[in-house]
Amino acid sequence: MDEAYNSLVFAPWIGTAIAVGYAVYLKLKTPDHKVSADVKPCVNPGIKKESDRVVDVIDIENLGPKAAFCRCWRSKKFPYCDGAHTLYNKHMSDNVGPLVIQK
């Protein structure tokens, strides 16, 4: 009986400690995505910003057997993927990857 009573006495403390630990873990693991009021968030950080729209036309006949296209907007070889999404995903806790087209 004493053993069961001791378990019940410490249960709320253990639960609280677990909840606080998990909250701290989430705060440290999750990056802040706060944007100041004067800056509008955008997907495209700097590719062809002078254009109203970014449009790339690629003839399928000019593609090799496989082509990877950027979907994170961070590639230096845009519209082709150069793997820049790897660093972006790590920094932003995201999972974006390329569009791969095969013949």
N, C-alpha and C. Protein backbone atom coordinates (compact mmCIF):
# COMPACT_ATOMS: atom_id res chain seq x y z
N MET A 1 0.82 -1.19 0.00
CA MET A 1 0.00 0.00 0.00
C MET A 1 0.87 1.26 0.00
N ASP A 2 1.95 1.25 0.77
CA ASP A 2 2.83 2.41 0.82
C ASP A 2 3.48 2.68 -0.52
N GLU A 3 3.81 1.63 -1.24
CA GLU A 3 4.45 1.79 -2.54
C GLU A 3 3.48 2.44 -3.54
N ALA A 4 2.24 2.00 -3.55
CA ALA A 4 1.23 2.59 -4.44
C ALA A 4 0.97 4.04 -4.07
N TYR A 5 0.93 4.35 -2.78
CA TYR A 5 0.70 5.72 -2.34
C TYR A 5 1.85 6.64 -2.76
N ASN A 6 3.08 6.17 -2.63
CA ASN A 6 4.24 6.95 -3.04
C ASN A 6 4.21 7.24 -4.54
N SER A 7 3.79 6.27 -5.33
CA SER A 7 3.70 6.47 -6.77
C SER A 7 2.67 7.54 -7.11
N LEU A 8 1.55 7.54 -6.42
CA LEU A 8 0.50 8.53 -6.66
C LEU A 8 0.92 9.93 -6.22
N VAL A 9 1.71 10.01 -5.17
CA VAL A 9 2.16 11.30 -4.67
C VAL A 9 3.09 11.97 -5.67
N PHE A 10 3.96 11.20 -6.30
CA PHE A 10 4.95 11.78 -7.22
C PHE A 10 4.45 11.90 -8.66
N ALA A 11 3.33 11.29 -9.00
CA ALA A 11 2.82 11.30 -10.38
C ALA A 11 2.61 12.71 -10.93
N PRO A 12 1.97 13.64 -10.19
CA PRO A 12 1.80 14.99 -10.75
C PRO A 12 3.12 15.70 -11.00
N TRP A 13 4.10 15.51 -10.13
CA TRP A 13 5.40 16.15 -10.28
C TRP A 13 6.13 15.61 -11.50
N ILE A 14 6.05 14.31 -11.68
CA ILE A 14 6.71 13.69 -12.84
C ILE A 14 6.05 14.17 -14.13
N GLY A 15 4.73 14.21 -14.14
CA GLY A 15 4.00 14.69 -15.33
C GLY A 15 4.32 16.14 -15.64
N THR A 16 4.41 16.97 -14.62
CA THR A 16 4.75 18.38 -14.82
C THR A 16 6.16 18.53 -15.36
N ALA A 17 7.09 17.77 -14.81
CA ALA A 17 8.48 17.82 -15.28
C ALA A 17 8.58 17.41 -16.75
N ILE A 18 7.85 16.39 -17.14
CA ILE A 18 7.86 15.93 -18.53
C ILE A 18 7.27 17.01 -19.44
N ALA A 19 6.17 17.61 -19.03
CA ALA A 19 5.53 18.65 -19.85
C ALA A 19 6.44 19.87 -20.01
N VAL A 20 7.08 20.30 -18.95
CA VAL A 20 7.98 21.45 -19.02
C VAL A 20 9.18 21.12 -19.90
N GLY A 21 9.74 19.94 -19.73
CA GLY A 21 10.87 19.52 -20.55
C GLY A 21 10.52 19.49 -22.03
N TYR A 22 9.34 18.99 -22.36
CA TYR A 22 8.90 18.94 -23.75
C TYR A 22 8.68 20.34 -24.31
N ALA A 23 8.11 21.24 -23.52
CA ALA A 23 7.90 22.61 -23.97
C ALA A 23 9.23 23.31 -24.26
N VAL A 24 10.22 23.10 -23.41
CA VAL A 24 11.55 23.68 -23.63
C VAL A 24 12.17 23.10 -24.89
N TYR A 25 12.04 21.79 -25.07
CA TYR A 25 12.56 21.12 -26.27
C TYR A 25 11.95 21.73 -27.53
N LEU A 26 10.64 21.91 -27.56
CA LEU A 26 9.97 22.48 -28.73
C LEU A 26 10.43 23.91 -28.99
N LYS A 27 10.60 24.69 -27.96
CA LYS A 27 11.03 26.08 -28.12
C LYS A 27 12.45 26.14 -28.69
N LEU A 28 13.33 25.28 -28.24
CA LEU A 28 14.70 25.29 -28.73
C LEU A 28 14.84 24.67 -30.11
N LYS A 29 14.01 23.70 -30.43
CA LYS A 29 14.11 23.00 -31.71
C LYS A 29 13.44 23.76 -32.84
N THR A 30 12.31 24.41 -32.59
CA THR A 30 11.53 25.08 -33.62
C THR A 30 12.05 26.49 -33.83
N PRO A 31 12.45 26.84 -35.07
CA PRO A 31 12.93 28.20 -35.33
C PRO A 31 11.78 29.19 -35.28
N ASP A 32 12.10 30.42 -34.91
CA ASP A 32 11.10 31.48 -34.92
C ASP A 32 10.87 31.92 -36.36
N HIS A 33 9.62 31.97 -36.76
CA HIS A 33 9.26 32.40 -38.11
C HIS A 33 8.58 33.77 -38.05
N LYS A 34 8.98 34.59 -37.10
CA LYS A 34 8.37 35.90 -36.95
C LYS A 34 8.88 36.84 -38.04
N VAL A 35 7.97 37.62 -38.59
CA VAL A 35 8.31 38.59 -39.62
C VAL A 35 7.85 39.94 -39.11
N SER A 36 8.69 40.94 -39.27
CA SER A 36 8.31 42.27 -38.80
C SER A 36 7.12 42.78 -39.60
N ALA A 37 6.39 43.72 -39.04
CA ALA A 37 5.15 44.21 -39.65
C ALA A 37 5.39 44.88 -40.99
N ASP A 38 6.57 45.48 -41.21
CA ASP A 38 6.81 46.19 -42.46
C ASP A 38 7.37 45.30 -43.57
N VAL A 39 7.67 44.05 -43.27
CA VAL A 39 8.20 43.13 -44.27
C VAL A 39 7.17 42.04 -44.55
N LYS A 40 6.80 41.91 -45.82
CA LYS A 40 5.85 40.87 -46.22
C LYS A 40 6.64 39.61 -46.55
N PRO A 41 6.21 38.47 -46.01
CA PRO A 41 6.92 37.23 -46.32
C PRO A 41 6.70 36.85 -47.79
N CYS A 42 7.73 36.31 -48.42
CA CYS A 42 7.60 35.87 -49.80
C CYS A 42 8.37 34.57 -49.99
N VAL A 43 7.97 33.82 -50.98
CA VAL A 43 8.60 32.55 -51.28
C VAL A 43 9.92 32.77 -52.02
N ASN A 44 9.91 33.68 -52.97
CA ASN A 44 11.06 33.94 -53.82
C ASN A 44 11.98 34.97 -53.16
N PRO A 45 13.19 34.56 -52.72
CA PRO A 45 14.06 35.50 -52.03
C PRO A 45 14.83 36.45 -52.96
N GLY A 46 14.96 36.13 -54.27
CA GLY A 46 15.72 37.03 -55.11
C GLY A 46 15.88 36.64 -56.56
N ILE A 47 15.10 35.73 -57.07
CA ILE A 47 15.22 35.29 -58.45
C ILE A 47 14.32 36.14 -59.35
N LYS A 48 14.94 36.85 -60.30
CA LYS A 48 14.23 37.68 -61.28
C LYS A 48 13.21 38.61 -60.60
N LYS A 49 13.62 39.27 -59.54
CA LYS A 49 12.71 40.13 -58.79
C LYS A 49 12.26 41.36 -59.59
N GLU A 50 12.99 41.70 -60.66
CA GLU A 50 12.58 42.83 -61.49
C GLU A 50 11.37 42.49 -62.36
N SER A 51 11.04 41.21 -62.51
CA SER A 51 9.90 40.78 -63.32
C SER A 51 8.63 40.74 -62.48
N ASP A 52 7.49 40.93 -63.14
CA ASP A 52 6.21 40.80 -62.46
C ASP A 52 5.95 39.36 -62.04
N ARG A 53 6.37 38.42 -62.90
CA ARG A 53 6.22 36.99 -62.64
C ARG A 53 7.47 36.29 -63.12
N VAL A 54 7.80 35.19 -62.47
CA VAL A 54 8.92 34.37 -62.93
C VAL A 54 8.33 33.22 -63.75
N VAL A 55 8.66 33.22 -65.04
CA VAL A 55 8.19 32.18 -65.95
C VAL A 55 9.39 31.65 -66.71
N ASP A 56 9.60 30.35 -66.66
CA ASP A 56 10.67 29.71 -67.41
C ASP A 56 10.05 28.65 -68.31
N VAL A 57 10.36 28.74 -69.59
CA VAL A 57 9.87 27.77 -70.57
C VAL A 57 11.06 26.90 -70.98
N ILE A 58 10.89 25.60 -70.84
CA ILE A 58 11.95 24.66 -71.17
C ILE A 58 11.40 23.62 -72.14
N ASP A 59 12.07 23.48 -73.27
CA ASP A 59 11.65 22.50 -74.28
C ASP A 59 12.04 21.11 -73.80
N ILE A 60 11.09 20.23 -73.74
CA ILE A 60 11.33 18.87 -73.24
C ILE A 60 12.34 18.12 -74.11
N GLU A 61 12.46 18.51 -75.35
CA GLU A 61 13.44 17.86 -76.23
C GLU A 61 14.87 18.20 -75.82
N ASN A 62 15.07 19.31 -75.12
CA ASN A 62 16.41 19.71 -74.68
C ASN A 62 16.82 19.09 -73.35
N LEU A 63 15.91 18.37 -72.71
CA LEU A 63 16.23 17.73 -71.43
C LEU A 63 16.95 16.41 -71.66
N GLY A 64 17.82 16.07 -70.74
CA GLY A 64 18.47 14.76 -70.78
C GLY A 64 17.49 13.70 -70.28
N PRO A 65 17.99 12.52 -69.93
CA PRO A 65 17.09 11.47 -69.47
C PRO A 65 16.44 11.80 -68.12
N LYS A 66 17.05 12.70 -67.35
CA LYS A 66 16.49 13.09 -66.06
C LYS A 66 16.87 14.55 -65.79
N ALA A 67 15.91 15.33 -65.27
CA ALA A 67 16.17 16.72 -64.91
C ALA A 67 15.50 17.01 -63.57
N ALA A 68 16.20 17.77 -62.71
CA ALA A 68 15.66 18.15 -61.41
C ALA A 68 15.44 19.66 -61.40
N PHE A 69 14.22 20.05 -61.08
CA PHE A 69 13.85 21.47 -61.06
C PHE A 69 13.64 21.93 -59.62
N CYS A 70 14.10 23.16 -59.36
CA CYS A 70 14.04 23.75 -58.02
C CYS A 70 12.60 24.08 -57.64
N ARG A 71 12.25 23.76 -56.39
CA ARG A 71 10.95 24.17 -55.84
C ARG A 71 11.11 25.00 -54.57
N CYS A 72 12.35 25.22 -54.12
CA CYS A 72 12.56 26.00 -52.90
C CYS A 72 12.92 27.45 -53.19
N TRP A 73 13.19 27.79 -54.43
CA TRP A 73 13.55 29.14 -54.87
C TRP A 73 14.90 29.60 -54.34
N ARG A 74 15.78 28.70 -53.93
CA ARG A 74 17.09 29.09 -53.40
C ARG A 74 18.23 28.66 -54.31
N SER A 75 17.95 27.97 -55.39
CA SER A 75 18.99 27.44 -56.27
C SER A 75 19.72 28.54 -57.02
N LYS A 76 21.03 28.44 -57.10
CA LYS A 76 21.84 29.39 -57.89
C LYS A 76 21.73 29.07 -59.38
N LYS A 77 21.22 27.88 -59.72
CA LYS A 77 21.05 27.47 -61.12
C LYS A 77 19.56 27.46 -61.52
N PHE A 78 18.73 28.23 -60.82
CA PHE A 78 17.30 28.24 -61.05
C PHE A 78 16.99 28.41 -62.54
N PRO A 79 16.11 27.64 -63.14
CA PRO A 79 15.08 26.81 -62.54
C PRO A 79 15.53 25.39 -62.19
N TYR A 80 16.80 25.07 -62.43
CA TYR A 80 17.30 23.74 -62.10
C TYR A 80 17.71 23.68 -60.64
N CYS A 81 17.59 22.52 -60.05
CA CYS A 81 17.95 22.31 -58.65
C CYS A 81 19.46 22.16 -58.51
N ASP A 82 20.03 22.81 -57.49
CA ASP A 82 21.45 22.62 -57.18
C ASP A 82 21.64 22.07 -55.76
N GLY A 83 20.55 21.64 -55.13
CA GLY A 83 20.62 21.07 -53.79
C GLY A 83 20.51 22.09 -52.67
N ALA A 84 20.22 23.35 -53.00
CA ALA A 84 20.12 24.40 -51.99
C ALA A 84 19.01 24.13 -50.98
N HIS A 85 18.04 23.30 -51.34
CA HIS A 85 16.94 22.99 -50.43
C HIS A 85 17.41 22.26 -49.18
N THR A 86 18.55 21.60 -49.25
CA THR A 86 19.06 20.86 -48.09
C THR A 86 19.33 21.81 -46.92
N LEU A 87 20.04 22.88 -47.18
CA LEU A 87 20.32 23.87 -46.13
C LEU A 87 19.05 24.60 -45.72
N TYR A 88 18.21 24.94 -46.69
CA TYR A 88 16.95 25.60 -46.40
C TYR A 88 16.08 24.73 -45.48
N ASN A 89 15.97 23.44 -45.80
CA ASN A 89 15.16 22.53 -44.98
C ASN A 89 15.69 22.44 -43.56
N LYS A 90 17.01 22.38 -43.42
CA LYS A 90 17.61 22.28 -42.09
C LYS A 90 17.33 23.54 -41.28
N HIS A 91 17.45 24.70 -41.91
CA HIS A 91 17.26 25.97 -41.21
C HIS A 91 15.79 26.22 -40.89
N MET A 92 14.89 25.87 -41.80
CA MET A 92 13.47 26.19 -41.64
C MET A 92 12.63 25.01 -41.14
N SER A 93 13.25 23.88 -40.87
CA SER A 93 12.51 22.67 -40.45
C SER A 93 11.44 22.32 -41.47
N ASP A 94 11.82 22.37 -42.74
CA ASP A 94 10.88 22.09 -43.83
C ASP A 94 11.31 20.80 -44.52
N ASN A 95 10.59 20.39 -45.54
CA ASN A 95 10.93 19.16 -46.25
C ASN A 95 10.81 19.28 -47.77
N VAL A 96 10.98 20.50 -48.29
CA VAL A 96 10.85 20.71 -49.74
C VAL A 96 11.99 20.02 -50.48
N GLY A 97 11.70 19.55 -51.67
CA GLY A 97 12.71 18.91 -52.52
C GLY A 97 12.44 19.26 -53.97
N PRO A 98 13.27 18.77 -54.88
CA PRO A 98 13.12 19.13 -56.29
C PRO A 98 11.97 18.39 -56.97
N LEU A 99 11.57 18.94 -58.11
CA LEU A 99 10.68 18.23 -59.04
C LEU A 99 11.60 17.50 -60.01
N VAL A 100 11.51 16.18 -60.06
CA VAL A 100 12.38 15.39 -60.94
C VAL A 100 11.53 14.88 -62.09
N ILE A 101 12.01 15.14 -63.32
CA ILE A 101 11.32 14.68 -64.54
C ILE A 101 12.22 13.70 -65.25
N GLN A 102 11.66 12.54 -65.59
CA GLN A 102 12.39 11.50 -66.30
C GLN A 102 11.70 11.23 -67.62
N LYS A 103 12.53 10.90 -68.62
CA LYS A 103 11.96 10.52 -69.93
C LYS A 103 11.60 9.06 -69.91
